[in-house]
């Protein structure tokens, strides 16, 4: 059931992205898509509560609220005209998003396109067993190859499990970095920029993320197998050191991508402006009621 909701949301976002910019219907379709997307994310905290991952409970709940806010904004744009962000951060309504207005950004449409592209990259791997097995199996094989190349006595316990000194690490989808890859591909694909800069942004993000993820997996296997941090080696290596390292790496990669594609910074800044204005508007209406 929830997978059907997810694919419906993705389909609506894709439809919104391909509808001509001059048609306000794209806002209606996109708004409904974001509303359906919020149902998917609103369901996720139940899963994380079961496994006692309360950080992700909060994150998924907040993301569901963000989806609802974007849905409300796009439906309001459908009624009143698209909200455009000018270079001076002024928010203006326009009857249509005219392609000649180079100084203005249609933020919600850009965000919808980025989300649709990112979803098209990520969700097939998450929901189709063939692709899921393929990417996990490839990462597992590559991690094992590197370990054995450096004469570390690791072995394959199962198709996605690596054992070192009797300690086994299971490679799952989250260990493939497909989420981060999908995020950057969606963002890069959503902006209008010269092809050479788009290609450069792709090169400094997606392949780099993939290689750094392999290094992360290799570190976790060695740290756990060699018991570098005692009985809590896996928790310390995976949940603290590896996650902190990933965060720092993604921050650095994001900085480089933003330097190459300043249009992305305009989209992020515009999103903040529009959503904060919409949130103030909603709070003001609730206060009046």
Protein backbone atom coordinates (compact mmCIF):
# COMPACT_ATOMS: atom_id res chain seq x y z
CA UNK A 1 0.00 0.00 0.00
CA UNK A 2 2.64 2.54 1.06
CA UNK A 3 4.76 1.70 -2.03
CA UNK A 4 1.77 2.52 -4.25
CA UNK A 5 1.44 5.88 -2.46
CA UNK A 6 5.13 6.54 -3.07
CA UNK A 7 4.99 5.79 -6.79
CA UNK A 8 1.83 7.88 -7.16
CA UNK A 9 3.64 10.83 -5.59
CA UNK A 10 6.68 10.36 -7.83
CA UNK A 11 4.46 10.04 -10.91
CA UNK A 12 2.63 13.27 -10.10
CA UNK A 13 5.93 15.11 -9.56
CA UNK A 14 7.27 13.86 -12.87
CA UNK A 15 4.04 14.92 -14.59
CA UNK A 16 4.32 18.36 -12.99
CA UNK A 17 7.91 18.67 -14.23
CA UNK A 18 7.05 17.93 -17.87
CA UNK A 19 3.90 20.07 -18.08
CA UNK A 20 4.74 23.33 -19.93
CA UNK A 21 5.84 26.20 -17.69
CA UNK A 22 3.11 28.43 -19.10
CA UNK A 23 0.40 26.12 -17.74
CA UNK A 24 -0.66 26.73 -14.17
CA UNK A 25 -1.95 23.14 -14.02
CA UNK A 26 1.62 22.04 -13.27
CA UNK A 27 1.23 23.70 -9.86
CA UNK A 28 -1.97 21.76 -9.16
CA UNK A 29 -0.41 18.45 -10.16
CA UNK A 30 2.78 19.20 -8.24
CA UNK A 31 0.87 20.28 -5.14
CA UNK A 32 -1.13 17.05 -5.11
CA UNK A 33 2.10 15.11 -5.62
CA UNK A 34 3.73 16.75 -2.60
CA UNK A 35 0.60 16.08 -0.54
CA UNK A 36 0.72 12.38 -1.45
CA UNK A 37 4.48 12.38 -0.75
CA UNK A 38 3.75 13.66 2.78
CA UNK A 39 1.61 10.55 3.38
CA UNK A 40 4.60 8.35 2.52
CA UNK A 41 6.93 10.22 4.89
CA UNK A 42 4.26 10.49 7.57
CA UNK A 43 4.14 6.69 7.67
CA UNK A 44 7.92 6.26 8.12
CA UNK A 45 8.14 7.25 11.84
CA UNK A 46 6.17 4.11 12.69
CA UNK A 47 8.98 1.97 11.30
CA UNK A 48 11.69 3.92 13.11
CA UNK A 49 9.79 3.79 16.41
CA UNK A 50 9.80 -0.02 16.13
CA UNK A 51 13.60 -0.11 15.80
CA UNK A 52 14.05 2.69 18.37
CA UNK A 53 15.78 5.03 15.90
CA UNK A 54 14.31 8.21 17.37
CA UNK A 55 16.54 10.59 15.42
CA UNK A 56 14.98 9.36 12.18
CA UNK A 57 11.54 9.51 13.78
CA UNK A 58 12.00 13.26 14.20
CA UNK A 59 13.60 13.74 10.77
CA UNK A 60 10.90 11.85 8.84
CA UNK A 61 8.15 13.63 10.75
CA UNK A 62 9.67 17.02 9.96
CA UNK A 63 10.08 16.05 6.31
CA UNK A 64 6.41 15.07 6.16
CA UNK A 65 5.52 18.54 7.46
CA UNK A 66 7.85 20.10 4.87
CA UNK A 67 6.08 18.17 2.11
CA UNK A 68 2.73 19.47 3.35
CA UNK A 69 4.04 23.04 3.35
CA UNK A 70 5.34 22.70 -0.22
CA UNK A 71 2.00 21.15 -1.26
CA UNK A 72 0.10 24.07 0.28
CA UNK A 73 2.41 26.58 -1.42
CA UNK A 74 1.97 25.00 -4.86
CA UNK A 75 -1.81 24.80 -4.51
CA UNK A 76 -1.84 28.47 -3.52
CA UNK A 77 0.29 29.21 -6.58
CA UNK A 78 -2.26 27.34 -8.69
CA UNK A 79 -4.97 29.74 -7.47
CA UNK A 80 -2.97 33.00 -7.42
CA UNK A 81 -0.13 32.50 -9.89
CA UNK A 82 3.44 31.21 -9.42
CA UNK A 83 5.65 32.78 -6.76
CA UNK A 84 8.86 33.98 -8.35
CA UNK A 85 12.05 34.91 -6.50
CA UNK A 86 13.91 37.90 -7.90
CA UNK A 87 17.62 38.53 -7.40
CA UNK A 88 16.92 40.88 -4.49
CA UNK A 89 15.01 38.03 -2.74
CA UNK A 90 11.68 39.75 -3.42
CA UNK A 91 8.76 37.35 -3.73
CA UNK A 92 6.33 38.26 -6.49
CA UNK A 93 3.27 36.61 -8.02
CA UNK A 94 3.18 36.06 -11.77
CA UNK A 95 0.35 34.86 -13.96
CA UNK A 96 2.79 32.59 -15.80
CA UNK A 97 6.43 31.64 -15.36
CA UNK A 98 7.61 33.35 -18.52
CA UNK A 99 10.85 31.82 -19.83
CA UNK A 100 12.20 35.27 -20.63
CA UNK A 101 12.41 36.28 -16.99
CA UNK A 102 16.00 35.18 -16.50
CA UNK A 103 16.35 37.07 -13.23
CA UNK A 104 13.44 35.23 -11.59
CA UNK A 105 13.26 31.68 -10.27
CA UNK A 106 10.19 29.47 -10.03
CA UNK A 107 11.39 27.75 -6.86
CA UNK A 108 8.63 25.21 -6.22
CA UNK A 109 8.80 23.93 -9.79
CA UNK A 110 12.59 23.59 -9.50
CA UNK A 111 12.21 21.73 -6.20
CA UNK A 112 9.59 19.42 -7.70
CA UNK A 113 11.85 18.63 -10.66
CA UNK A 114 14.80 17.95 -8.32
CA UNK A 115 12.69 15.65 -6.15
CA UNK A 116 11.26 13.81 -9.16
CA UNK A 117 14.71 13.18 -10.63
CA UNK A 118 16.17 12.15 -7.28
CA UNK A 119 13.26 9.78 -6.68
CA UNK A 120 13.70 8.25 -10.14
CA UNK A 121 17.32 7.50 -9.26
CA UNK A 122 16.77 6.19 -5.72
CA UNK A 123 13.41 4.45 -5.45
CA UNK A 124 13.95 1.80 -8.18
CA UNK A 125 16.95 0.55 -6.16
CA UNK A 126 14.87 0.64 -2.97
CA UNK A 127 11.80 -1.13 -4.37
CA UNK A 128 12.94 -3.46 -7.17
CA UNK A 129 14.73 -6.52 -5.80
CA UNK A 130 16.83 -7.02 -8.95
CA UNK A 131 18.36 -3.54 -8.78
CA UNK A 132 18.60 -3.70 -5.00
CA UNK A 133 20.56 -6.95 -5.15
CA UNK A 134 22.71 -5.68 -8.02
CA UNK A 135 23.96 -2.52 -6.32
CA UNK A 136 24.44 -4.13 -2.90
CA UNK A 137 26.26 -7.09 -4.48
CA UNK A 138 28.56 -4.79 -6.46
CA UNK A 139 29.50 -2.72 -3.41
CA UNK A 140 30.10 -5.89 -1.38
CA UNK A 141 32.36 -7.34 -4.09
CA UNK A 142 34.34 -4.10 -4.44
CA UNK A 143 34.86 -3.74 -0.68
CA UNK A 144 36.03 -7.38 -0.45
CA UNK A 145 38.36 -6.92 -3.45
CA UNK A 146 40.07 -3.92 -1.84
CA UNK A 147 40.45 -5.75 1.48
CA UNK A 148 41.99 -8.78 -0.18
CA UNK A 149 44.21 -6.60 -2.39
CA UNK A 150 45.81 -5.24 0.78
CA UNK A 151 46.08 -8.81 2.10
CA UNK A 152 43.48 -8.32 4.82
CA UNK A 153 42.03 -11.82 5.48
CA UNK A 154 38.38 -10.98 4.85
CA UNK A 155 36.00 -13.45 3.26
CA UNK A 156 32.48 -13.58 1.91
CA UNK A 157 30.04 -15.19 4.31
CA UNK A 158 27.00 -14.53 2.14
CA UNK A 159 26.32 -12.52 -1.01
CA UNK A 160 26.20 -9.27 1.04
CA UNK A 161 28.12 -10.23 4.19
CA UNK A 162 31.85 -9.80 4.77
CA UNK A 163 33.61 -11.60 7.63
CA UNK A 164 36.92 -10.60 9.18
CA UNK A 165 38.36 -12.50 12.16
CA UNK A 166 34.95 -14.00 12.87
CA UNK A 167 33.12 -10.65 12.88
CA UNK A 168 30.57 -10.14 10.12
CA UNK A 169 29.34 -6.89 8.53
CA UNK A 170 26.21 -6.93 6.38
CA UNK A 171 26.09 -4.54 3.44
CA UNK A 172 22.60 -3.07 2.99
CA UNK A 173 21.20 -0.43 0.63
CA UNK A 174 22.19 2.40 2.98
CA UNK A 175 25.82 1.22 2.61
CA UNK A 176 25.81 1.98 -1.13
CA UNK A 177 25.43 5.79 -0.86
CA UNK A 178 22.58 5.67 -3.38
CA UNK A 179 20.58 8.16 -1.26
CA UNK A 180 23.31 10.82 -1.45
CA UNK A 181 23.94 10.08 -5.12
CA UNK A 182 20.23 10.49 -5.91
CA UNK A 183 20.10 13.74 -3.94
CA UNK A 184 22.96 15.35 -5.86
CA UNK A 185 21.73 14.07 -9.22
CA UNK A 186 18.30 15.53 -8.52
CA UNK A 187 19.70 18.91 -7.50
CA UNK A 188 22.15 19.12 -10.39
CA UNK A 189 19.51 18.07 -12.90
CA UNK A 190 17.01 20.66 -11.66
CA UNK A 191 19.05 23.78 -12.43
CA UNK A 192 19.54 25.47 -15.77
CA UNK A 193 23.24 25.97 -16.41
CA UNK A 194 25.76 25.39 -19.22
CA UNK A 195 26.38 21.70 -19.90
CA UNK A 196 30.09 21.90 -19.06
CA UNK A 197 29.34 23.15 -15.53
CA UNK A 198 26.62 20.53 -15.03
CA UNK A 199 29.06 17.79 -16.06
CA UNK A 200 31.75 19.18 -13.76
CA UNK A 201 29.32 19.31 -10.84
CA UNK A 202 28.39 15.69 -11.53
CA UNK A 203 32.05 14.58 -11.66
CA UNK A 204 32.98 16.21 -8.35
CA UNK A 205 29.94 14.79 -6.56
CA UNK A 206 28.57 11.41 -7.71
CA UNK A 207 31.83 9.46 -8.43
CA UNK A 208 33.50 11.03 -5.38
CA UNK A 209 30.59 10.08 -3.13
CA UNK A 210 30.70 6.50 -4.41
CA UNK A 211 34.45 6.11 -3.82
CA UNK A 212 34.31 7.73 -0.35
CA UNK A 213 31.45 5.39 0.54
CA UNK A 214 33.59 2.37 -0.36
CA UNK A 215 36.32 3.73 1.91
CA UNK A 216 33.74 4.15 4.68
CA UNK A 217 32.55 0.54 4.31
CA UNK A 218 36.13 -0.73 4.27
CA UNK A 219 36.90 1.22 7.46
CA UNK A 220 33.86 -0.24 9.25
CA UNK A 221 34.75 -3.82 8.26
CA UNK A 222 38.37 -3.43 9.43
CA UNK A 223 37.51 -1.56 12.63
CA UNK A 224 34.91 -4.17 13.58
CA UNK A 225 36.94 -7.17 12.46
CA UNK A 226 40.06 -6.00 14.24
CA UNK A 227 38.05 -4.82 17.28
CA UNK A 228 39.78 -1.44 17.26
CA UNK A 229 37.38 0.02 19.80
CA UNK A 230 36.63 -3.04 21.92
CA UNK A 231 33.20 -4.63 22.23
CA UNK A 232 31.51 -1.52 20.82
CA UNK A 233 33.74 -1.40 17.74
CA UNK A 234 30.90 -1.62 15.22
CA UNK A 235 28.76 1.02 16.94
CA UNK A 236 31.66 3.45 17.33
CA UNK A 237 33.02 2.87 13.83
CA UNK A 238 29.68 2.86 12.00
CA UNK A 239 27.36 5.10 14.01
CA UNK A 240 29.85 7.74 15.12
CA UNK A 241 33.12 7.90 13.16
CA UNK A 242 31.78 6.84 9.74
CA UNK A 243 28.66 9.00 10.00
CA UNK A 244 30.67 12.01 11.15
CA UNK A 245 33.12 11.48 8.29
CA UNK A 246 30.26 11.17 5.80
CA UNK A 247 28.74 14.40 7.07
CA UNK A 248 32.00 16.29 6.69
CA UNK A 249 32.57 14.84 3.21
CA UNK A 250 29.05 15.73 2.03
CA UNK A 251 29.47 19.26 3.37
CA UNK A 252 32.74 19.66 1.44
CA UNK A 253 31.25 18.19 -1.74
CA UNK A 254 28.20 20.46 -1.41
CA UNK A 255 30.47 23.48 -1.10
CA UNK A 256 32.35 22.57 -4.29
CA UNK A 257 29.11 21.88 -6.19
CA UNK A 258 27.67 25.23 -5.09
CA UNK A 259 30.84 26.99 -6.29
CA UNK A 260 30.41 25.33 -9.69
CA UNK A 261 26.63 25.83 -9.81
CA UNK A 262 25.71 29.08 -8.00
CA UNK A 263 22.22 28.59 -9.49
CA UNK A 264 21.73 25.90 -6.84
CA UNK A 265 22.38 28.41 -4.10
CA UNK A 266 19.71 30.63 -5.64
CA UNK A 267 17.24 27.74 -5.52
CA UNK A 268 18.05 26.88 -1.89
CA UNK A 269 17.90 30.51 -0.80
CA UNK A 270 14.67 31.04 -2.71
CA UNK A 271 13.14 27.95 -1.14
CA UNK A 272 13.94 29.29 2.31
CA UNK A 273 12.41 32.67 1.48
CA UNK A 274 9.20 31.26 0.00
CA UNK A 275 8.58 28.62 2.67
CA UNK A 276 9.33 31.01 5.53
CA UNK A 277 6.91 33.54 4.02
CA UNK A 278 4.23 30.88 3.59
CA UNK A 279 4.75 29.65 7.14
CA UNK A 280 4.39 33.19 8.50
CA UNK A 281 1.22 33.60 6.44
CA UNK A 282 -0.25 30.38 7.82
CA UNK A 283 0.65 31.23 11.42
CA UNK A 284 -0.90 34.69 10.98
CA UNK A 285 -4.12 33.14 9.68
CA UNK A 286 -4.26 30.66 12.57
CA UNK A 287 -3.66 33.49 15.04
CA UNK A 288 -6.54 35.47 13.56
CA UNK A 289 -8.85 32.45 13.79
